[in-house]
Amino acid sequence: MLLGIAVIVTPHALISSYGRYSFDRLEKTPSVYCAILLGTAKYLRGGNRNLYYKYRIEAAIKLYTSGKCRKIIVSGDNGTKYYNEPKAMKEDLIRAGVRKEDIICDYAGFRTLDSIVRFKKIFGRQRGVVISQKFHNERAIYIGRAYGIELYGYNALDVGVRTGLKVRLREILSRVKCVLDVELLHTGPRFLGKEIKV
């Protein structure tokens, strides 16, 4: 039982410590050339708007319009022709006034590790700001810094505990798997490919 608790608590504490590199306020967020916006579904299964998505888009717009970044890589799942997170994010950012030339789609961001490692290996970025909710940013920053990226986070608004309970419970297991992937298995992205200049 104690071993089971340690397996959960240790990765959680380790990844939470990377929260010191993420910020709620724009003025505290470092300026970078390129940010990375992590994808999620725009709509929930019942058809309601996904607040995680909504708040991430809003945060990306704030970061860009404030001049804190010049380019945004939108990274997410494009597993089928009917599901395309990067396309949806790009369209919403353009509607909000982000220049389409400043948005780069990463269609192979099937999970956080893929998105962050590809940020460096495909798009050649050694420094950046990741945009998502704080708990997600912590995990992304942990991965990024383990792979030698000077990564910071700009925290989107979070979703209430009641609405986001399933996501929070899933995050517990995601953190355990993340530490195993980074520290023991040295897992790489599902796809790499040719480098893309940003």
N, C-alpha and C. Protein backbone atom coordinates (compact mmCIF):
# COMPACT_ATOMS: atom_id res chain seq x y z
N MET A 1 0.83 -1.21 0.00
CA MET A 1 0.00 0.00 0.00
C MET A 1 0.86 1.26 0.00
N LEU A 2 1.92 1.24 0.85
CA LEU A 2 2.82 2.39 0.91
C LEU A 2 3.54 2.59 -0.41
N LEU A 3 3.91 1.46 -1.05
CA LEU A 3 4.57 1.54 -2.34
C LEU A 3 3.65 2.16 -3.38
N GLY A 4 2.37 1.77 -3.34
CA GLY A 4 1.40 2.32 -4.28
C GLY A 4 1.23 3.82 -4.10
N ILE A 5 1.20 4.26 -2.85
CA ILE A 5 1.08 5.69 -2.57
C ILE A 5 2.30 6.44 -3.08
N ALA A 6 3.49 5.85 -2.86
CA ALA A 6 4.73 6.49 -3.30
C ALA A 6 4.79 6.61 -4.82
N VAL A 7 4.27 5.59 -5.51
CA VAL A 7 4.27 5.60 -6.97
C VAL A 7 3.43 6.74 -7.52
N ILE A 8 2.39 7.11 -6.78
CA ILE A 8 1.52 8.22 -7.21
C ILE A 8 2.04 9.56 -6.72
N VAL A 9 2.43 9.62 -5.45
CA VAL A 9 2.81 10.90 -4.84
C VAL A 9 4.12 11.44 -5.39
N THR A 10 5.10 10.58 -5.61
CA THR A 10 6.43 11.05 -6.06
C THR A 10 6.38 11.73 -7.42
N PRO A 11 5.78 11.12 -8.45
CA PRO A 11 5.68 11.83 -9.73
C PRO A 11 4.87 13.13 -9.64
N HIS A 12 3.81 13.10 -8.83
CA HIS A 12 2.99 14.31 -8.68
C HIS A 12 3.82 15.45 -8.08
N ALA A 13 4.58 15.15 -7.03
CA ALA A 13 5.39 16.18 -6.38
C ALA A 13 6.49 16.67 -7.32
N LEU A 14 7.11 15.76 -8.04
CA LEU A 14 8.19 16.14 -8.96
C LEU A 14 7.67 17.08 -10.04
N ILE A 15 6.58 16.70 -10.69
CA ILE A 15 6.05 17.51 -11.78
C ILE A 15 5.48 18.83 -11.27
N SER A 16 4.84 18.81 -10.10
CA SER A 16 4.31 20.05 -9.52
C SER A 16 5.40 21.07 -9.27
N SER A 17 6.61 20.60 -8.97
CA SER A 17 7.72 21.53 -8.68
C SER A 17 8.07 22.39 -9.90
N TYR A 18 7.69 21.95 -11.08
CA TYR A 18 7.97 22.72 -12.29
C TYR A 18 6.98 23.85 -12.50
N GLY A 19 6.01 23.96 -11.59
CA GLY A 19 5.09 25.08 -11.63
C GLY A 19 5.78 26.42 -11.44
N ARG A 20 7.00 26.39 -10.90
CA ARG A 20 7.74 27.65 -10.70
C ARG A 20 8.12 28.30 -12.03
N TYR A 21 8.02 27.54 -13.11
CA TYR A 21 8.34 28.09 -14.43
C TYR A 21 7.09 28.52 -15.20
N SER A 22 5.93 28.43 -14.57
CA SER A 22 4.69 28.83 -15.26
C SER A 22 4.05 30.01 -14.55
N PHE A 23 3.32 30.81 -15.31
CA PHE A 23 2.85 32.08 -14.79
C PHE A 23 1.39 32.33 -15.15
N ASP A 24 0.68 32.93 -14.19
CA ASP A 24 -0.71 33.32 -14.43
C ASP A 24 -0.81 34.70 -15.07
N ARG A 25 0.20 35.53 -14.85
CA ARG A 25 0.16 36.91 -15.30
C ARG A 25 1.10 37.13 -16.48
N LEU A 26 0.60 37.90 -17.45
CA LEU A 26 1.39 38.17 -18.65
C LEU A 26 2.70 38.86 -18.35
N GLU A 27 2.65 39.83 -17.46
CA GLU A 27 3.86 40.61 -17.20
C GLU A 27 4.99 39.78 -16.61
N LYS A 28 4.67 38.66 -16.01
CA LYS A 28 5.70 37.79 -15.45
C LYS A 28 6.16 36.72 -16.43
N THR A 29 5.42 36.56 -17.52
CA THR A 29 5.75 35.53 -18.50
C THR A 29 6.87 36.02 -19.41
N PRO A 30 7.94 35.24 -19.57
CA PRO A 30 9.04 35.67 -20.44
C PRO A 30 8.59 35.84 -21.89
N SER A 31 9.21 36.78 -22.58
CA SER A 31 8.96 36.95 -24.01
C SER A 31 9.78 35.93 -24.78
N VAL A 32 9.16 35.32 -25.79
CA VAL A 32 9.84 34.32 -26.61
C VAL A 32 9.48 34.54 -28.06
N TYR A 33 10.25 33.95 -28.95
CA TYR A 33 9.92 34.02 -30.37
C TYR A 33 8.71 33.15 -30.67
N CYS A 34 8.68 31.96 -30.07
CA CYS A 34 7.65 31.00 -30.44
C CYS A 34 7.00 30.37 -29.20
N ALA A 35 5.68 30.30 -29.20
CA ALA A 35 4.92 29.62 -28.15
C ALA A 35 4.32 28.35 -28.73
N ILE A 36 3.91 27.45 -27.86
CA ILE A 36 3.25 26.22 -28.30
C ILE A 36 1.93 26.07 -27.55
N LEU A 37 0.86 25.98 -28.31
CA LEU A 37 -0.48 25.83 -27.76
C LEU A 37 -0.87 24.36 -27.83
N LEU A 38 -1.14 23.76 -26.67
CA LEU A 38 -1.46 22.33 -26.62
C LEU A 38 -2.95 22.11 -26.89
N GLY A 39 -3.22 21.14 -27.71
CA GLY A 39 -4.58 20.92 -28.18
C GLY A 39 -5.45 20.08 -27.26
N THR A 40 -6.73 20.23 -27.47
CA THR A 40 -7.75 19.40 -26.85
C THR A 40 -9.00 19.53 -27.72
N ALA A 41 -9.99 18.71 -27.46
CA ALA A 41 -11.21 18.77 -28.29
C ALA A 41 -11.93 20.11 -28.08
N LYS A 42 -12.45 20.66 -29.17
CA LYS A 42 -13.19 21.91 -29.07
C LYS A 42 -14.55 21.70 -28.40
N TYR A 43 -15.14 20.54 -28.64
CA TYR A 43 -16.45 20.24 -28.06
C TYR A 43 -16.41 18.93 -27.29
N LEU A 44 -17.22 18.85 -26.26
CA LEU A 44 -17.36 17.63 -25.49
C LEU A 44 -18.29 16.66 -26.22
N ARG A 45 -18.34 15.45 -25.74
CA ARG A 45 -19.13 14.43 -26.43
C ARG A 45 -20.61 14.81 -26.55
N GLY A 46 -21.13 15.49 -25.56
CA GLY A 46 -22.54 15.89 -25.60
C GLY A 46 -22.80 17.09 -26.49
N GLY A 47 -21.75 17.68 -27.05
CA GLY A 47 -21.90 18.83 -27.93
C GLY A 47 -21.62 20.17 -27.28
N ASN A 48 -21.42 20.18 -25.96
CA ASN A 48 -21.12 21.43 -25.26
C ASN A 48 -19.68 21.87 -25.55
N ARG A 49 -19.45 23.17 -25.46
CA ARG A 49 -18.11 23.73 -25.66
C ARG A 49 -17.18 23.25 -24.56
N ASN A 50 -16.00 22.83 -24.93
CA ASN A 50 -14.99 22.39 -23.97
C ASN A 50 -14.30 23.62 -23.40
N LEU A 51 -14.48 23.87 -22.11
CA LEU A 51 -13.90 25.07 -21.49
C LEU A 51 -12.37 25.03 -21.48
N TYR A 52 -11.79 23.85 -21.40
CA TYR A 52 -10.32 23.77 -21.48
C TYR A 52 -9.84 24.35 -22.81
N TYR A 53 -10.52 24.01 -23.86
CA TYR A 53 -10.18 24.52 -25.19
C TYR A 53 -10.39 26.04 -25.24
N LYS A 54 -11.56 26.48 -24.82
CA LYS A 54 -11.91 27.90 -24.86
C LYS A 54 -10.87 28.75 -24.14
N TYR A 55 -10.51 28.34 -22.94
CA TYR A 55 -9.57 29.13 -22.13
C TYR A 55 -8.15 29.09 -22.70
N ARG A 56 -7.78 27.99 -23.32
CA ARG A 56 -6.44 27.94 -23.93
C ARG A 56 -6.35 28.88 -25.13
N ILE A 57 -7.40 28.92 -25.94
CA ILE A 57 -7.43 29.84 -27.08
C ILE A 57 -7.34 31.28 -26.58
N GLU A 58 -8.11 31.61 -25.56
CA GLU A 58 -8.09 32.96 -25.02
C GLU A 58 -6.70 33.33 -24.50
N ALA A 59 -6.04 32.39 -23.83
CA ALA A 59 -4.70 32.66 -23.31
C ALA A 59 -3.71 32.87 -24.45
N ALA A 60 -3.82 32.07 -25.50
CA ALA A 60 -2.92 32.21 -26.65
C ALA A 60 -3.08 33.57 -27.31
N ILE A 61 -4.31 34.02 -27.42
CA ILE A 61 -4.58 35.33 -28.02
C ILE A 61 -3.95 36.44 -27.17
N LYS A 62 -4.10 36.34 -25.86
CA LYS A 62 -3.51 37.34 -24.97
C LYS A 62 -1.99 37.37 -25.09
N LEU A 63 -1.39 36.19 -25.12
CA LEU A 63 0.07 36.12 -25.21
C LEU A 63 0.56 36.75 -26.51
N TYR A 64 -0.12 36.44 -27.60
CA TYR A 64 0.28 36.95 -28.92
C TYR A 64 0.04 38.46 -29.04
N THR A 65 -1.14 38.92 -28.68
CA THR A 65 -1.47 40.34 -28.85
C THR A 65 -0.66 41.23 -27.91
N SER A 66 -0.16 40.66 -26.82
CA SER A 66 0.67 41.44 -25.90
C SER A 66 2.11 41.57 -26.40
N GLY A 67 2.44 40.82 -27.45
CA GLY A 67 3.80 40.85 -27.99
C GLY A 67 4.75 39.91 -27.28
N LYS A 68 4.22 39.03 -26.46
CA LYS A 68 5.07 38.09 -25.71
C LYS A 68 5.57 36.95 -26.59
N CYS A 69 4.94 36.74 -27.75
CA CYS A 69 5.43 35.76 -28.71
C CYS A 69 5.10 36.26 -30.11
N ARG A 70 5.89 35.81 -31.09
CA ARG A 70 5.67 36.22 -32.48
C ARG A 70 5.05 35.11 -33.31
N LYS A 71 5.28 33.87 -32.90
CA LYS A 71 4.74 32.72 -33.61
C LYS A 71 4.06 31.79 -32.61
N ILE A 72 3.06 31.05 -33.08
CA ILE A 72 2.39 30.06 -32.24
C ILE A 72 2.32 28.73 -33.01
N ILE A 73 2.88 27.70 -32.41
CA ILE A 73 2.71 26.35 -32.94
C ILE A 73 1.47 25.76 -32.27
N VAL A 74 0.50 25.36 -33.06
CA VAL A 74 -0.69 24.71 -32.51
C VAL A 74 -0.50 23.21 -32.69
N SER A 75 -0.40 22.51 -31.58
CA SER A 75 -0.04 21.10 -31.62
C SER A 75 -1.14 20.25 -31.02
N GLY A 76 -1.59 19.26 -31.79
CA GLY A 76 -2.65 18.41 -31.27
C GLY A 76 -2.87 17.18 -32.12
N ASP A 77 -3.93 16.49 -31.80
CA ASP A 77 -4.28 15.23 -32.44
C ASP A 77 -4.98 15.47 -33.78
N ASN A 78 -4.52 14.74 -34.78
CA ASN A 78 -5.17 14.75 -36.09
C ASN A 78 -5.29 13.31 -36.55
N GLY A 79 -5.85 12.49 -35.64
CA GLY A 79 -5.88 11.05 -35.85
C GLY A 79 -6.75 10.59 -37.01
N THR A 80 -7.81 11.33 -37.32
CA THR A 80 -8.69 10.97 -38.44
C THR A 80 -9.05 12.24 -39.20
N LYS A 81 -9.63 12.07 -40.39
CA LYS A 81 -10.01 13.24 -41.19
C LYS A 81 -11.18 13.99 -40.57
N TYR A 82 -11.85 13.36 -39.61
CA TYR A 82 -12.99 14.00 -38.95
C TYR A 82 -12.61 14.68 -37.63
N TYR A 83 -11.35 14.51 -37.20
CA TYR A 83 -10.92 15.08 -35.93
C TYR A 83 -9.57 15.75 -36.12
N ASN A 84 -9.53 17.06 -35.99
CA ASN A 84 -8.32 17.81 -36.31
C ASN A 84 -8.18 18.99 -35.34
N GLU A 85 -7.49 18.75 -34.23
CA GLU A 85 -7.32 19.80 -33.22
C GLU A 85 -6.52 20.99 -33.75
N PRO A 86 -5.37 20.79 -34.43
CA PRO A 86 -4.61 21.95 -34.90
C PRO A 86 -5.41 22.84 -35.85
N LYS A 87 -6.18 22.23 -36.74
CA LYS A 87 -6.98 23.01 -37.70
C LYS A 87 -7.99 23.89 -36.97
N ALA A 88 -8.67 23.31 -35.97
CA ALA A 88 -9.67 24.07 -35.21
C ALA A 88 -9.02 25.24 -34.47
N MET A 89 -7.87 24.97 -33.86
CA MET A 89 -7.18 26.04 -33.11
C MET A 89 -6.71 27.15 -34.04
N LYS A 90 -6.16 26.76 -35.18
CA LYS A 90 -5.69 27.76 -36.14
C LYS A 90 -6.84 28.65 -36.60
N GLU A 91 -7.97 28.04 -36.94
CA GLU A 91 -9.12 28.82 -37.41
C GLU A 91 -9.62 29.79 -36.35
N ASP A 92 -9.68 29.35 -35.10
CA ASP A 92 -10.15 30.24 -34.03
C ASP A 92 -9.16 31.36 -33.74
N LEU A 93 -7.89 31.08 -33.84
CA LEU A 93 -6.89 32.13 -33.63
C LEU A 93 -6.94 33.17 -34.74
N ILE A 94 -7.11 32.71 -35.97
CA ILE A 94 -7.22 33.65 -37.10
C ILE A 94 -8.45 34.53 -36.94
N ARG A 95 -9.56 33.93 -36.52
CA ARG A 95 -10.78 34.71 -36.30
C ARG A 95 -10.58 35.78 -35.23
N ALA A 96 -9.67 35.51 -34.30
CA ALA A 96 -9.42 36.45 -33.21
C ALA A 96 -8.36 37.50 -33.57
N GLY A 97 -7.82 37.41 -34.78
CA GLY A 97 -6.88 38.44 -35.22
C GLY A 97 -5.43 38.03 -35.31
N VAL A 98 -5.11 36.78 -35.00
CA VAL A 98 -3.74 36.30 -35.16
C VAL A 98 -3.47 36.09 -36.64
N ARG A 99 -2.36 36.60 -37.14
CA ARG A 99 -2.04 36.45 -38.55
C ARG A 99 -1.79 34.99 -38.88
N LYS A 100 -2.36 34.51 -39.98
CA LYS A 100 -2.21 33.09 -40.32
C LYS A 100 -0.76 32.71 -40.57
N GLU A 101 0.06 33.68 -41.01
CA GLU A 101 1.49 33.40 -41.24
C GLU A 101 2.23 33.14 -39.93
N ASP A 102 1.63 33.55 -38.82
CA ASP A 102 2.27 33.38 -37.52
C ASP A 102 1.80 32.12 -36.79
N ILE A 103 1.00 31.30 -37.46
CA ILE A 103 0.50 30.08 -36.86
C ILE A 103 1.05 28.88 -37.64
N ILE A 104 1.66 27.96 -36.92
CA ILE A 104 2.23 26.76 -37.53
C ILE A 104 1.52 25.55 -36.94
N CYS A 105 1.04 24.67 -37.79
CA CYS A 105 0.31 23.48 -37.33
C CYS A 105 1.24 22.29 -37.14
N ASP A 106 1.14 21.67 -35.98
CA ASP A 106 1.80 20.40 -35.72
C ASP A 106 0.70 19.35 -35.61
N TYR A 107 0.56 18.55 -36.66
CA TYR A 107 -0.53 17.58 -36.72
C TYR A 107 -0.20 16.26 -36.03
N ALA A 108 1.00 16.16 -35.46
CA ALA A 108 1.40 14.90 -34.83
C ALA A 108 1.59 15.04 -33.32
N GLY A 109 0.87 16.00 -32.74
CA GLY A 109 0.93 16.17 -31.28
C GLY A 109 -0.10 15.28 -30.60
N PHE A 110 0.08 13.98 -30.72
CA PHE A 110 -0.92 13.04 -30.23
C PHE A 110 -1.00 13.01 -28.70
N ARG A 111 0.09 13.39 -28.05
CA ARG A 111 0.07 13.53 -26.59
C ARG A 111 1.09 14.58 -26.22
N THR A 112 1.10 14.96 -24.97
CA THR A 112 1.95 16.07 -24.53
C THR A 112 3.41 15.83 -24.83
N LEU A 113 3.90 14.63 -24.57
CA LEU A 113 5.31 14.33 -24.83
C LEU A 113 5.64 14.53 -26.31
N ASP A 114 4.77 14.05 -27.19
CA ASP A 114 5.00 14.22 -28.63
C ASP A 114 5.09 15.70 -28.99
N SER A 115 4.14 16.50 -28.49
CA SER A 115 4.11 17.93 -28.81
C SER A 115 5.38 18.64 -28.37
N ILE A 116 5.81 18.36 -27.16
CA ILE A 116 6.96 19.08 -26.61
C ILE A 116 8.27 18.64 -27.25
N VAL A 117 8.47 17.36 -27.43
CA VAL A 117 9.71 16.89 -28.05
C VAL A 117 9.78 17.34 -29.51
N ARG A 118 8.67 17.32 -30.20
CA ARG A 118 8.65 17.79 -31.59
C ARG A 118 8.91 19.30 -31.68
N PHE A 119 8.52 20.04 -30.66
CA PHE A 119 8.79 21.48 -30.59
C PHE A 119 10.29 21.73 -30.80
N LYS A 120 11.11 20.84 -30.24
CA LYS A 120 12.55 20.97 -30.38
C LYS A 120 13.08 20.26 -31.63
N LYS A 121 12.70 19.00 -31.81
CA LYS A 121 13.33 18.18 -32.84
C LYS A 121 12.81 18.45 -34.24
N ILE A 122 11.57 18.87 -34.36
CA ILE A 122 11.01 19.17 -35.68
C ILE A 122 11.05 20.66 -35.99
N PHE A 123 10.68 21.46 -35.00
CA PHE A 123 10.58 22.90 -35.24
C PHE A 123 11.82 23.68 -34.77
N GLY A 124 12.77 22.98 -34.19
CA GLY A 124 14.07 23.58 -33.87
C GLY A 124 14.06 24.61 -32.77
N ARG A 125 13.08 24.55 -31.88
CA ARG A 125 12.98 25.55 -30.84
C ARG A 125 13.66 25.08 -29.55
N GLN A 126 14.55 25.90 -29.06
CA GLN A 126 15.28 25.60 -27.82
C GLN A 126 14.69 26.34 -26.62
N ARG A 127 13.78 27.28 -26.91
CA ARG A 127 13.21 28.12 -25.86
C ARG A 127 11.78 28.46 -26.26
N GLY A 128 10.87 28.48 -25.29
CA GLY A 128 9.50 28.80 -25.65
C GLY A 128 8.59 28.88 -24.45
N VAL A 129 7.34 29.17 -24.73
CA VAL A 129 6.28 29.22 -23.72
C VAL A 129 5.19 28.26 -24.14
N VAL A 130 4.79 27.38 -23.24
CA VAL A 130 3.70 26.46 -23.51
C VAL A 130 2.41 27.04 -22.92
N ILE A 131 1.32 26.87 -23.65
CA ILE A 131 0.03 27.44 -23.24
C ILE A 131 -0.96 26.32 -22.97
N SER A 132 -1.40 26.23 -21.73
CA SER A 132 -2.43 25.28 -21.33
C SER A 132 -2.82 25.63 -19.89
N GLN A 133 -3.62 24.78 -19.26
CA GLN A 133 -3.91 24.99 -17.84
C GLN A 133 -2.66 24.68 -17.01
N LYS A 134 -2.59 25.23 -15.81
CA LYS A 134 -1.37 25.12 -15.01
C LYS A 134 -0.94 23.69 -14.78
N PHE A 135 -1.88 22.80 -14.41
CA PHE A 135 -1.49 21.42 -14.11
C PHE A 135 -0.90 20.75 -15.35
N HIS A 136 -1.40 21.12 -16.52
CA HIS A 136 -0.89 20.57 -17.78
C HIS A 136 0.45 21.20 -18.14
N ASN A 137 0.56 22.49 -17.92
CA ASN A 137 1.83 23.18 -18.17
C ASN A 137 2.96 22.60 -17.33
N GLU A 138 2.66 22.26 -16.09
CA GLU A 138 3.70 21.69 -15.23
C GLU A 138 4.30 20.43 -15.86
N ARG A 139 3.42 19.59 -16.36
CA ARG A 139 3.89 18.33 -16.98
C ARG A 139 4.65 18.61 -18.27
N ALA A 140 4.14 19.54 -19.06
CA ALA A 140 4.81 19.90 -20.32
C ALA A 140 6.20 20.49 -20.06
N ILE A 141 6.29 21.35 -19.06
CA ILE A 141 7.58 21.98 -18.74
C ILE A 141 8.57 20.94 -18.22
N TYR A 142 8.09 20.02 -17.41
CA TYR A 142 8.95 18.93 -16.93
C TYR A 142 9.55 18.16 -18.11
N ILE A 143 8.70 17.82 -19.07
CA ILE A 143 9.17 17.10 -20.25
C ILE A 143 10.17 17.96 -21.03
N GLY A 144 9.80 19.21 -21.28
CA GLY A 144 10.64 20.10 -22.05
C GLY A 144 12.03 20.28 -21.46
N ARG A 145 12.08 20.52 -20.17
CA ARG A 145 13.37 20.76 -19.54
C ARG A 145 14.20 19.48 -19.44
N ALA A 146 13.52 18.33 -19.37
CA ALA A 146 14.25 17.07 -19.41
C ALA A 146 14.91 16.85 -20.77
N TYR A 147 14.33 17.45 -21.81
CA TYR A 147 14.87 17.34 -23.16
C TYR A 147 15.69 18.56 -23.57
N GLY A 148 16.06 19.38 -22.60
CA GLY A 148 16.96 20.49 -22.86
C GLY A 148 16.32 21.73 -23.44
N ILE A 149 15.01 21.88 -23.28
CA ILE A 149 14.32 23.08 -23.77
C ILE A 149 14.13 24.05 -22.61
N GLU A 150 14.46 25.30 -22.83
CA GLU A 150 14.20 26.33 -21.82
C GLU A 150 12.72 26.71 -21.95
N LEU A 151 11.89 25.94 -21.29
CA LEU A 151 10.46 26.06 -21.47
C LEU A 151 9.79 26.71 -20.27
N TYR A 152 8.88 27.64 -20.55
CA TYR A 152 8.07 28.30 -19.54
C TYR A 152 6.59 28.04 -19.86
N GLY A 153 5.72 28.45 -18.97
CA GLY A 153 4.31 28.25 -19.21
C GLY A 153 3.50 29.51 -18.97
N TYR A 154 2.49 29.71 -19.80
CA TYR A 154 1.49 30.74 -19.53
C TYR A 154 0.19 30.01 -19.25
N ASN A 155 -0.31 30.21 -18.04
CA ASN A 155 -1.45 29.41 -17.57
C ASN A 155 -2.78 29.97 -18.05
N ALA A 156 -3.51 29.16 -18.78
CA ALA A 156 -4.89 29.49 -19.14
C ALA A 156 -5.76 29.34 -17.89
N LEU A 157 -6.92 29.96 -17.92
CA LEU A 157 -7.87 29.77 -16.83
C LEU A 157 -8.18 28.30 -16.66
N ASP A 158 -8.35 27.88 -15.42
CA ASP A 158 -8.65 26.49 -15.16
C ASP A 158 -10.17 26.28 -15.14
N VAL A 159 -10.57 25.04 -15.17
CA VAL A 159 -11.97 24.66 -15.12
C VAL A 159 -12.29 24.20 -13.71
N GLY A 160 -13.49 24.49 -13.24
CA GLY A 160 -13.88 24.14 -11.88
C GLY A 160 -13.72 22.65 -11.59
N VAL A 161 -13.52 22.34 -10.32
CA VAL A 161 -13.26 20.96 -9.90
C VAL A 161 -14.39 20.03 -10.33
N ARG A 162 -15.62 20.47 -10.17
CA ARG A 162 -16.75 19.62 -10.51
C ARG A 162 -16.79 19.30 -12.00
N THR A 163 -16.59 20.32 -12.82
CA THR A 163 -16.62 20.12 -14.27
C THR A 163 -15.40 19.36 -14.76
N GLY A 164 -14.25 19.63 -14.14
CA GLY A 164 -13.01 19.03 -14.62
C GLY A 164 -12.51 17.85 -13.81
N LEU A 165 -13.39 17.22 -13.03
CA LEU A 165 -12.97 16.13 -12.14
C LEU A 165 -12.33 14.97 -12.91
N LYS A 166 -12.93 14.57 -14.02
CA LYS A 166 -12.39 13.45 -14.79
C LYS A 166 -10.99 13.76 -15.31
N VAL A 167 -10.81 14.99 -15.75
CA VAL A 167 -9.50 15.40 -16.26
C VAL A 167 -8.46 15.36 -15.15
N ARG A 168 -8.83 15.83 -13.96
CA ARG A 168 -7.90 15.84 -12.83
C ARG A 168 -7.53 14.42 -12.40
N LEU A 169 -8.50 13.53 -12.40
CA LEU A 169 -8.21 12.14 -12.04
C LEU A 169 -7.30 11.50 -13.08
N ARG A 170 -7.55 11.79 -14.35
CA ARG A 170 -6.70 11.26 -15.41
C ARG A 170 -5.28 11.81 -15.32
N GLU A 171 -5.16 13.05 -14.85
CA GLU A 171 -3.84 13.67 -14.72
C GLU A 171 -2.95 12.92 -13.73
N ILE A 172 -3.55 12.32 -12.70
CA ILE A 172 -2.77 11.56 -11.72
C ILE A 172 -2.02 10.44 -12.42
N LEU A 173 -2.71 9.67 -13.25
CA LEU A 173 -2.08 8.57 -13.97
C LEU A 173 -1.14 9.10 -15.07
N SER A 174 -1.51 10.22 -15.68
CA SER A 174 -0.66 10.80 -16.72
C SER A 174 0.70 11.19 -16.17
N ARG A 175 0.72 11.68 -14.94
CA ARG A 175 2.00 12.08 -14.33
C ARG A 175 2.88 10.87 -14.02
N VAL A 176 2.26 9.80 -13.57
CA VAL A 176 3.04 8.59 -13.32
C VAL A 176 3.65 8.09 -14.63
N LYS A 177 2.83 8.02 -15.66
CA LYS A 177 3.32 7.55 -16.96
C LYS A 177 4.38 8.49 -17.53
N CYS A 178 4.19 9.78 -17.33
CA CYS A 178 5.13 10.77 -17.84
C CYS A 178 6.52 10.57 -17.24
N VAL A 179 6.59 10.39 -15.94
CA VAL A 179 7.89 10.19 -15.29
C VAL A 179 8.53 8.90 -15.76
N LEU A 180 7.74 7.85 -15.92
CA LEU A 180 8.27 6.59 -16.45
C LEU A 180 8.82 6.78 -17.86
N ASP A 181 8.08 7.50 -18.70
CA ASP A 181 8.52 7.74 -20.08
C ASP A 181 9.82 8.52 -20.14
N VAL A 182 9.92 9.55 -19.29
CA VAL A 182 11.08 10.43 -19.34
C VAL A 182 12.29 9.82 -18.64
N GLU A 183 12.09 9.29 -17.46
CA GLU A 183 13.22 8.85 -16.62
C GLU A 183 13.68 7.42 -16.91
N LEU A 184 12.76 6.54 -17.24
CA LEU A 184 13.12 5.12 -17.38
C LEU A 184 13.04 4.62 -18.83
N LEU A 185 11.96 4.91 -19.51
CA LEU A 185 11.74 4.35 -20.84
C LEU A 185 12.34 5.19 -21.96
N HIS A 186 12.59 6.48 -21.68
CA HIS A 186 13.13 7.41 -22.68
C HIS A 186 12.30 7.35 -23.96
N THR A 187 11.00 7.46 -23.77
CA THR A 187 10.05 7.35 -24.88
C THR A 187 10.15 8.57 -25.81
N GLY A 188 10.10 8.31 -27.10
CA GLY A 188 10.11 9.38 -28.07
C GLY A 188 8.73 9.60 -28.67
N PRO A 189 8.57 10.61 -29.51
CA PRO A 189 7.29 10.85 -30.16
C PRO A 189 6.91 9.71 -31.10
N ARG A 190 5.62 9.57 -31.36
CA ARG A 190 5.15 8.54 -32.28
C ARG A 190 5.68 8.80 -33.69
N PHE A 191 5.73 10.08 -34.08
CA PHE A 191 6.24 10.45 -35.39
C PHE A 191 7.23 11.60 -35.25
N LEU A 192 8.26 11.58 -36.07
CA LEU A 192 9.16 12.72 -36.17
C LEU A 192 9.05 13.28 -37.59
N GLY A 193 10.04 13.03 -38.43
CA GLY A 193 9.95 13.54 -39.80
C GLY A 193 10.96 14.63 -40.07
N LYS A 194 10.77 15.36 -41.18
CA LYS A 194 11.69 16.41 -41.59
C LYS A 194 11.52 17.64 -40.71
N GLU A 195 12.62 18.36 -40.53
CA GLU A 195 12.57 19.60 -39.77
C GLU A 195 11.76 20.66 -40.52
N ILE A 196 11.07 21.47 -39.76
CA ILE A 196 10.24 22.55 -40.31
C ILE A 196 10.73 23.87 -39.75
N LYS A 197 11.09 24.80 -40.61
CA LYS A 197 11.59 26.09 -40.17
C LYS A 197 10.45 26.98 -39.71
N VAL A 198 10.59 27.57 -38.53
CA VAL A 198 9.58 28.46 -37.99
C VAL A 198 10.05 29.90 -38.11
